[in-house]
Structure formats: structure tokens, C-alpha cells
């Protein structure tokens, strides 16, 4: 398994998907829920190796 530490968060794509799926049930904002579902869709098409090549930046 390929891993990458992203600011103390998910280390690979699979872990990030699980984190988002766990968080979705707490979202009350429809726009944020819709965005999260679209992100999940895209992440499910990315391998852990592809995830490593992504340039992820933490939003402030």
C-alpha cells in the first residue's frame, strides 16, 4: 500500500474515502453534502498510487 501523510489526515485515497463517508452523515448543508458526494465519486476512480501524485493543499 502506498501512503502519504497529508497534514495529519488520510494517508491514502482509500482512507480519505472512508473518512469522507463517515463525515457525510453529519453534514447539514446541502451544497456541502453535494460537493462531498461529487468528491467521493472522483476519489473512487483514483488509485492510491494516483493519490500520491495529487498536489493537495490545505484550505484556510
C-alpha atoms as a PDB file:
ATOM      1  CA  UNK A   1       0.000   0.000   0.000  1.00  0.00           C
ATOM      2  CA  UNK A   2       1.298   3.454  -0.921  1.00  0.00           C
ATOM      3  CA  UNK A   3       0.856   6.091   1.764  1.00  0.00           C
ATOM      4  CA  UNK A   4       1.308   9.827   2.032  1.00  0.00           C
ATOM      5  CA  UNK A   5       0.825  11.977   5.101  1.00  0.00           C
ATOM      6  CA  UNK A   6      -1.347  14.986   4.289  1.00  0.00           C
ATOM      7  CA  UNK A   7      -1.233  17.366   7.245  1.00  0.00           C
ATOM      8  CA  UNK A   8      -2.033  14.606   9.743  1.00  0.00           C
ATOM      9  CA  UNK A   9      -5.019  13.398   7.742  1.00  0.00           C
ATOM     10  CA  UNK A  10      -5.699  10.411   5.469  1.00  0.00           C
ATOM     11  CA  UNK A  11      -2.572   8.646   4.310  1.00  0.00           C
ATOM     12  CA  UNK A  12      -4.051   7.197   1.107  1.00  0.00           C
ATOM     13  CA  UNK A  13      -7.062   7.531  -1.143  1.00  0.00           C
ATOM     14  CA  UNK A  14      -8.897   4.593   0.425  1.00  0.00           C
ATOM     15  CA  UNK A  15      -8.547   6.097   3.894  1.00  0.00           C
ATOM     16  CA  UNK A  16      -9.702   9.517   2.678  1.00  0.00           C
ATOM     17  CA  UNK A  17     -12.801   7.962   1.092  1.00  0.00           C
ATOM     18  CA  UNK A  18     -13.647   6.230   4.371  1.00  0.00           C
ATOM     19  CA  UNK A  19     -13.139   9.486   6.300  1.00  0.00           C
ATOM     20  CA  UNK A  20     -15.481  11.396   3.989  1.00  0.00           C
ATOM     21  CA  UNK A  21     -18.098   8.637   4.079  1.00  0.00           C
ATOM     22  CA  UNK A  22     -18.068   8.743   7.886  1.00  0.00           C
ATOM     23  CA  UNK A  23     -18.401  12.544   7.929  1.00  0.00           C
ATOM     24  CA  UNK A  24     -21.249  12.779   5.384  1.00  0.00           C
ATOM     25  CA  UNK A  25     -23.919  11.767   7.872  1.00  0.00           C
ATOM     26  CA  UNK A  26     -23.134  14.905   9.906  1.00  0.00           C
ATOM     27  CA  UNK A  27     -23.418  17.390   7.021  1.00  0.00           C
ATOM     28  CA  UNK A  28     -26.481  19.610   7.241  1.00  0.00           C
ATOM     29  CA  UNK A  29     -25.632  21.999   4.406  1.00  0.00           C
ATOM     30  CA  UNK A  30     -26.990  20.686   1.083  1.00  0.00           C
ATOM     31  CA  UNK A  31     -24.300  22.367  -1.010  1.00  0.00           C
ATOM     32  CA  UNK A  32     -21.537  20.862   1.124  1.00  0.00           C
ATOM     33  CA  UNK A  33     -23.224  17.461   1.005  1.00  0.00           C
ATOM     34  CA  UNK A  34     -23.491  17.613  -2.791  1.00  0.00           C
ATOM     35  CA  UNK A  35     -19.844  18.686  -3.092  1.00  0.00           C
ATOM     36  CA  UNK A  36     -18.722  15.883  -0.773  1.00  0.00           C
ATOM     37  CA  UNK A  37     -20.626  13.306  -2.817  1.00  0.00           C
ATOM     38  CA  UNK A  38     -19.013  14.572  -6.045  1.00  0.00           C
ATOM     39  CA  UNK A  39     -15.562  14.433  -4.427  1.00  0.00           C
ATOM     40  CA  UNK A  40     -16.252  10.850  -3.308  1.00  0.00           C
ATOM     41  CA  UNK A  41     -17.206   9.906  -6.857  1.00  0.00           C
ATOM     42  CA  UNK A  42     -13.945  11.261  -8.210  1.00  0.00           C
ATOM     43  CA  UNK A  43     -11.794   9.780  -5.450  1.00  0.00           C
ATOM     44  CA  UNK A  44     -13.241   6.330  -6.096  1.00  0.00           C
ATOM     45  CA  UNK A  45     -11.727   6.467  -9.582  1.00  0.00           C
ATOM     46  CA  UNK A  46      -8.239   7.316  -8.225  1.00  0.00           C
ATOM     47  CA  UNK A  47      -5.798   4.633  -7.126  1.00  0.00           C
ATOM     48  CA  UNK A  48      -3.685   5.061  -4.011  1.00  0.00           C
ATOM     49  CA  UNK A  49      -0.700   5.497  -6.335  1.00  0.00           C
ATOM     50  CA  UNK A  50      -2.543   8.241  -8.251  1.00  0.00           C
ATOM     51  CA  UNK A  51      -3.484   9.867  -4.959  1.00  0.00           C
ATOM     52  CA  UNK A  52       0.215  10.206  -4.100  1.00  0.00           C
ATOM     53  CA  UNK A  53       0.761  12.225  -7.273  1.00  0.00           C
ATOM     54  CA  UNK A  54      -2.007  14.708  -6.393  1.00  0.00           C
ATOM     55  CA  UNK A  55      -0.832  18.096  -5.179  1.00  0.00           C
ATOM     56  CA  UNK A  56      -3.132  18.507  -2.159  1.00  0.00           C
ATOM     57  CA  UNK A  57      -3.200  21.858  -0.412  1.00  0.00           C
ATOM     58  CA  UNK A  58      -4.980  22.544   2.856  1.00  0.00           C
ATOM     59  CA  UNK A  59      -7.535  25.343   2.542  1.00  0.00           C
ATOM     60  CA  UNK A  60      -7.514  28.057   5.153  1.00  0.00           C
END
